[in-house]
């Protein structure tokens, strides 16, 4: 009995740890590992008494394959949420590159940063909205229910899960391009205006005198005006993901959910 409870706890911990590591905010690289570990242990303690116990023979090969399956399912669940945030990051990085806000990364690539200021601001605000609306709690509820659809150590249907995951992931890149579209059009119009000025005054280096500054100012103005709309679209995408996430879990369980 005690051994079965211990094995069940280990498998539950593996799935939870994979999800926590991928969640926005909680799973961020700057979040202390101790906080992630304590949160995972606390969730495991709460969930284990309410999930089906692990009953298979605890051989090394079986336990290893079960742990891998649990971590894979947890990684797919957390990765699906992170993927939506990746779409927003993709859009803001395009905007930053087009409007000159990522110029520091280009002129001094040794900086220990992975995104420009626009991407950092957008990611921080999106994470605050994600937690402020309680969407992270909805993820944890879906995660706890997943143990009844796919019991610990039962294995997953990788092909069916991958098909659902791909269908969920495919709109993300397209949405990122849509969000970045207005900024790309704005930069095109500004560059066209600067090109006309350069033709009218060929002796003046219009691009470096006013073109770069005009692009940065116009891009920042557009970002400030459109960012609330960005967050609204992003929040709707997260809500849609949370509605489709149980489908992926059911597919992982071989369609035996409910």
Protein backbone atom coordinates (compact mmCIF):
# COMPACT_ATOMS: atom_id res chain seq x y z
CA UNK A 1 0.00 0.00 0.00
CA UNK A 2 2.72 2.45 1.00
CA UNK A 3 4.83 1.47 -2.01
CA UNK A 4 1.89 2.01 -4.37
CA UNK A 5 1.22 5.44 -2.87
CA UNK A 6 4.89 6.37 -3.21
CA UNK A 7 5.01 5.28 -6.85
CA UNK A 8 1.79 7.13 -7.61
CA UNK A 9 3.20 10.25 -5.97
CA UNK A 10 6.36 10.04 -8.06
CA UNK A 11 4.40 9.78 -11.31
CA UNK A 12 2.07 12.62 -10.33
CA UNK A 13 5.09 14.72 -9.40
CA UNK A 14 6.67 14.05 -12.82
CA UNK A 15 3.59 15.29 -14.73
CA UNK A 16 3.15 18.31 -12.45
CA UNK A 17 6.82 19.26 -12.64
CA UNK A 18 6.70 19.29 -16.44
CA UNK A 19 3.64 21.56 -16.46
CA UNK A 20 5.01 23.94 -13.81
CA UNK A 21 8.30 24.24 -15.71
CA UNK A 22 6.42 25.42 -18.83
CA UNK A 23 3.81 27.74 -17.32
CA UNK A 24 4.26 31.47 -18.00
CA UNK A 25 5.50 33.38 -14.97
CA UNK A 26 5.81 30.37 -12.68
CA UNK A 27 8.09 28.50 -15.04
CA UNK A 28 10.17 31.52 -16.03
CA UNK A 29 13.93 31.11 -15.96
CA UNK A 30 14.25 33.84 -13.29
CA UNK A 31 11.79 32.12 -10.94
CA UNK A 32 13.86 30.42 -8.20
CA UNK A 33 14.02 26.65 -8.55
CA UNK A 34 13.08 26.29 -4.87
CA UNK A 35 9.71 27.97 -5.54
CA UNK A 36 8.99 25.67 -8.48
CA UNK A 37 9.95 22.63 -6.42
CA UNK A 38 7.86 23.64 -3.40
CA UNK A 39 4.85 24.39 -5.60
CA UNK A 40 5.15 21.03 -7.35
CA UNK A 41 5.49 19.15 -4.05
CA UNK A 42 2.48 21.00 -2.58
CA UNK A 43 0.32 20.23 -5.62
CA UNK A 44 1.44 16.60 -5.57
CA UNK A 45 0.47 16.30 -1.91
CA UNK A 46 -2.99 17.68 -2.64
CA UNK A 47 -3.66 15.62 -5.76
CA UNK A 48 -2.23 12.16 -4.95
CA UNK A 49 -5.00 11.10 -2.49
CA UNK A 50 -7.64 11.73 -5.18
CA UNK A 51 -6.15 9.96 -8.21
CA UNK A 52 -6.21 6.29 -9.21
CA UNK A 53 -3.35 4.39 -7.60
CA UNK A 54 -0.52 2.94 -9.66
CA UNK A 55 -0.98 -0.84 -9.71
CA UNK A 56 1.56 -2.17 -12.22
CA UNK A 57 4.61 -4.18 -11.21
CA UNK A 58 7.29 -1.64 -10.24
CA UNK A 59 10.10 -2.91 -12.47
CA UNK A 60 12.81 -0.51 -13.56
CA UNK A 61 11.81 -0.56 -17.24
CA UNK A 62 8.11 -0.06 -16.51
CA UNK A 63 8.76 2.80 -14.08
CA UNK A 64 11.16 4.49 -16.50
CA UNK A 65 8.68 4.35 -19.38
CA UNK A 66 5.89 5.56 -17.08
CA UNK A 67 7.95 8.53 -15.89
CA UNK A 68 8.79 9.47 -19.47
CA UNK A 69 5.11 9.26 -20.45
CA UNK A 70 4.09 11.45 -17.52
CA UNK A 71 6.74 14.07 -18.26
CA UNK A 72 5.85 14.04 -21.95
CA UNK A 73 2.15 14.59 -21.27
CA UNK A 74 2.90 17.33 -18.75
CA UNK A 75 5.32 18.97 -21.15
CA UNK A 76 2.71 18.95 -23.92
CA UNK A 77 0.10 20.48 -21.62
CA UNK A 78 2.38 23.22 -20.33
CA UNK A 79 3.95 23.67 -23.76
CA UNK A 80 0.54 24.31 -25.32
CA UNK A 81 0.04 27.26 -22.97
CA UNK A 82 3.60 28.50 -23.51
CA UNK A 83 3.05 28.24 -27.26
CA UNK A 84 0.31 30.90 -27.15
CA UNK A 85 2.69 33.20 -25.30
CA UNK A 86 5.28 32.35 -27.94
CA UNK A 87 2.90 33.69 -30.60
CA UNK A 88 2.70 37.01 -28.77
CA UNK A 89 6.49 37.08 -28.35
CA UNK A 90 6.91 36.35 -32.06
CA UNK A 91 4.65 39.28 -32.97
CA UNK A 92 6.33 41.74 -30.61
CA UNK A 93 9.81 40.74 -31.75
CA UNK A 94 8.80 41.43 -35.36
CA UNK A 95 7.48 44.82 -34.26
CA UNK A 96 10.65 45.55 -32.30
CA UNK A 97 12.90 44.60 -35.21
CA UNK A 98 10.87 46.65 -37.71
CA UNK A 99 10.68 49.77 -35.54
CA UNK A 100 14.29 49.76 -34.33
CA UNK A 101 13.50 48.77 -30.76
CA UNK A 102 15.67 45.68 -31.04
CA UNK A 103 18.64 47.63 -32.34
CA UNK A 104 20.64 47.01 -29.16
CA UNK A 105 20.62 43.27 -29.86
CA UNK A 106 21.94 43.94 -33.37
CA UNK A 107 24.65 46.47 -32.49
CA UNK A 108 25.77 44.66 -29.32
CA UNK A 109 24.83 40.96 -29.52
CA UNK A 110 26.87 40.16 -26.40
CA UNK A 111 24.05 41.53 -24.22
CA UNK A 112 22.67 38.76 -22.03
CA UNK A 113 19.05 39.32 -23.10
CA UNK A 114 16.91 37.22 -25.40
CA UNK A 115 14.30 39.79 -26.42
CA UNK A 116 13.88 43.49 -27.03
CA UNK A 117 12.07 45.92 -24.73
CA UNK A 118 8.74 45.64 -26.58
CA UNK A 119 8.77 41.85 -26.25
CA UNK A 120 9.69 42.08 -22.56
CA UNK A 121 6.88 44.55 -21.81
CA UNK A 122 4.33 42.51 -23.77
CA UNK A 123 5.37 39.26 -22.08
CA UNK A 124 5.21 40.79 -18.61
CA UNK A 125 1.77 42.33 -19.17
CA UNK A 126 0.40 39.15 -20.77
CA UNK A 127 1.63 37.11 -17.79
CA UNK A 128 -0.03 39.54 -15.35
CA UNK A 129 -3.32 39.28 -17.26
CA UNK A 130 -2.95 35.49 -17.38
CA UNK A 131 -2.64 35.30 -13.61
CA UNK A 132 -5.02 38.19 -12.87
CA UNK A 133 -7.87 36.47 -14.73
CA UNK A 134 -7.14 33.18 -12.96
CA UNK A 135 -6.25 31.36 -16.15
CA UNK A 136 -3.30 29.70 -14.41
CA UNK A 137 -5.76 28.23 -11.91
CA UNK A 138 -7.85 26.88 -14.78
CA UNK A 139 -4.73 25.16 -16.10
CA UNK A 140 -4.18 23.54 -12.70
CA UNK A 141 -7.82 22.39 -12.57
CA UNK A 142 -7.53 20.81 -16.01
CA UNK A 143 -4.24 19.25 -14.92
CA UNK A 144 -5.80 17.70 -11.81
CA UNK A 145 -8.69 16.31 -13.86
CA UNK A 146 -6.24 14.83 -16.34
CA UNK A 147 -5.20 12.21 -13.78
CA UNK A 148 -8.67 10.67 -14.00
CA UNK A 149 -8.63 10.65 -17.81
CA UNK A 150 -5.04 9.42 -18.03
CA UNK A 151 -4.22 7.70 -14.72
CA UNK A 152 -0.61 7.86 -13.52
CA UNK A 153 1.59 5.36 -15.34
CA UNK A 154 -1.10 4.28 -17.83
CA UNK A 155 0.85 5.56 -20.84
CA UNK A 156 -0.34 7.90 -23.59
CA UNK A 157 -1.38 7.62 -27.22
CA UNK A 158 1.47 9.64 -28.73
CA UNK A 159 0.10 9.78 -32.28
CA UNK A 160 -3.37 11.01 -31.28
CA UNK A 161 -1.89 13.49 -28.82
CA UNK A 162 0.51 14.87 -31.44
CA UNK A 163 -2.33 15.34 -33.93
CA UNK A 164 -4.40 17.37 -31.47
CA UNK A 165 -1.34 19.33 -30.33
CA UNK A 166 -0.44 20.20 -33.93
CA UNK A 167 -3.99 21.39 -34.60
CA UNK A 168 -3.79 23.60 -31.51
CA UNK A 169 -0.35 24.97 -32.41
CA UNK A 170 -0.95 25.75 -36.08
CA UNK A 171 -2.89 29.02 -35.57
CA UNK A 172 -0.22 30.50 -33.28
CA UNK A 173 2.26 31.49 -36.01
CA UNK A 174 -0.53 32.91 -38.14
CA UNK A 175 -1.86 34.98 -35.23
CA UNK A 176 1.64 36.32 -34.56
CA UNK A 177 1.92 37.50 -38.14
CA UNK A 178 -1.53 39.09 -37.92
CA UNK A 179 -0.61 40.99 -34.75
CA UNK A 180 2.63 42.24 -36.29
CA UNK A 181 0.98 43.16 -39.62
CA UNK A 182 0.02 46.78 -38.77
CA UNK A 183 3.56 47.60 -37.64
CA UNK A 184 5.05 46.14 -40.83
CA UNK A 185 2.63 48.22 -42.94
CA UNK A 186 3.43 51.33 -40.89
CA UNK A 187 7.17 50.87 -41.37
CA UNK A 188 6.61 50.39 -45.09
CA UNK A 189 4.66 53.66 -45.29
CA UNK A 190 7.28 55.55 -43.27
CA UNK A 191 10.09 54.19 -45.46
CA UNK A 192 8.13 55.14 -48.57
CA UNK A 193 7.71 58.67 -47.22
CA UNK A 194 11.42 58.86 -46.42
CA UNK A 195 12.26 57.58 -49.91
CA UNK A 196 10.19 60.38 -51.46
CA UNK A 197 12.00 62.93 -49.30
CA UNK A 198 15.32 61.45 -50.35
CA UNK A 199 14.37 61.90 -53.99
CA UNK A 200 13.35 65.51 -53.37
CA UNK A 201 16.54 66.31 -51.42
CA UNK A 202 19.22 63.87 -52.60
CA UNK A 203 22.04 65.81 -50.95
CA UNK A 204 20.56 65.25 -47.49
CA UNK A 205 20.90 61.85 -45.87
CA UNK A 206 17.21 61.65 -45.00
CA UNK A 207 17.21 58.10 -43.71
CA UNK A 208 19.80 58.64 -40.98
CA UNK A 209 18.70 62.20 -40.19
CA UNK A 210 14.97 61.67 -39.69
CA UNK A 211 14.00 58.26 -41.10
CA UNK A 212 15.24 56.13 -38.23
CA UNK A 213 13.83 58.49 -35.58
CA UNK A 214 10.50 58.74 -37.37
CA UNK A 215 10.24 54.96 -37.61
CA UNK A 216 10.93 54.53 -33.89
CA UNK A 217 8.43 57.21 -32.83
CA UNK A 218 5.69 55.99 -35.15
CA UNK A 219 6.27 52.38 -34.13
CA UNK A 220 6.09 53.19 -30.42
CA UNK A 221 2.92 55.23 -30.92
CA UNK A 222 1.32 52.36 -32.80
CA UNK A 223 2.38 49.87 -30.13
CA UNK A 224 0.92 51.99 -27.31
CA UNK A 225 -2.39 52.38 -29.15
CA UNK A 226 -2.72 48.76 -30.25
CA UNK A 227 -1.31 46.93 -27.22
CA UNK A 228 -4.67 46.67 -25.37
CA UNK A 229 -6.03 45.03 -28.51
CA UNK A 230 -3.02 42.68 -28.48
CA UNK A 231 -3.83 41.62 -24.92
CA UNK A 232 -7.51 41.11 -25.77
CA UNK A 233 -6.67 38.82 -28.69
CA UNK A 234 -4.04 36.99 -26.64
CA UNK A 235 -6.50 36.42 -23.77
CA UNK A 236 -9.08 35.03 -26.18
CA UNK A 237 -6.46 32.66 -27.60
CA UNK A 238 -5.59 31.41 -24.10
CA UNK A 239 -9.30 30.88 -23.35
CA UNK A 240 -9.68 28.93 -26.58
CA UNK A 241 -6.65 26.83 -25.70
CA UNK A 242 -8.05 26.04 -22.25
CA UNK A 243 -11.27 24.83 -23.88
CA UNK A 244 -9.35 22.57 -26.26
CA UNK A 245 -6.79 21.28 -23.76
CA UNK A 246 -9.14 18.56 -22.42
CA UNK A 247 -9.43 17.23 -26.00
CA UNK A 248 -5.68 16.68 -26.07
CA UNK A 249 -5.80 14.93 -22.70
CA UNK A 250 -8.63 12.70 -23.85
CA UNK A 251 -6.65 11.87 -27.01
CA UNK A 252 -3.66 11.01 -24.82
CA UNK A 253 -5.86 8.59 -22.90
CA UNK A 254 -7.01 6.90 -26.09
CA UNK A 255 -10.39 8.64 -26.16
CA UNK A 256 -11.52 7.08 -22.89
CA UNK A 257 -12.05 10.38 -21.07
CA UNK A 258 -15.22 11.49 -19.39
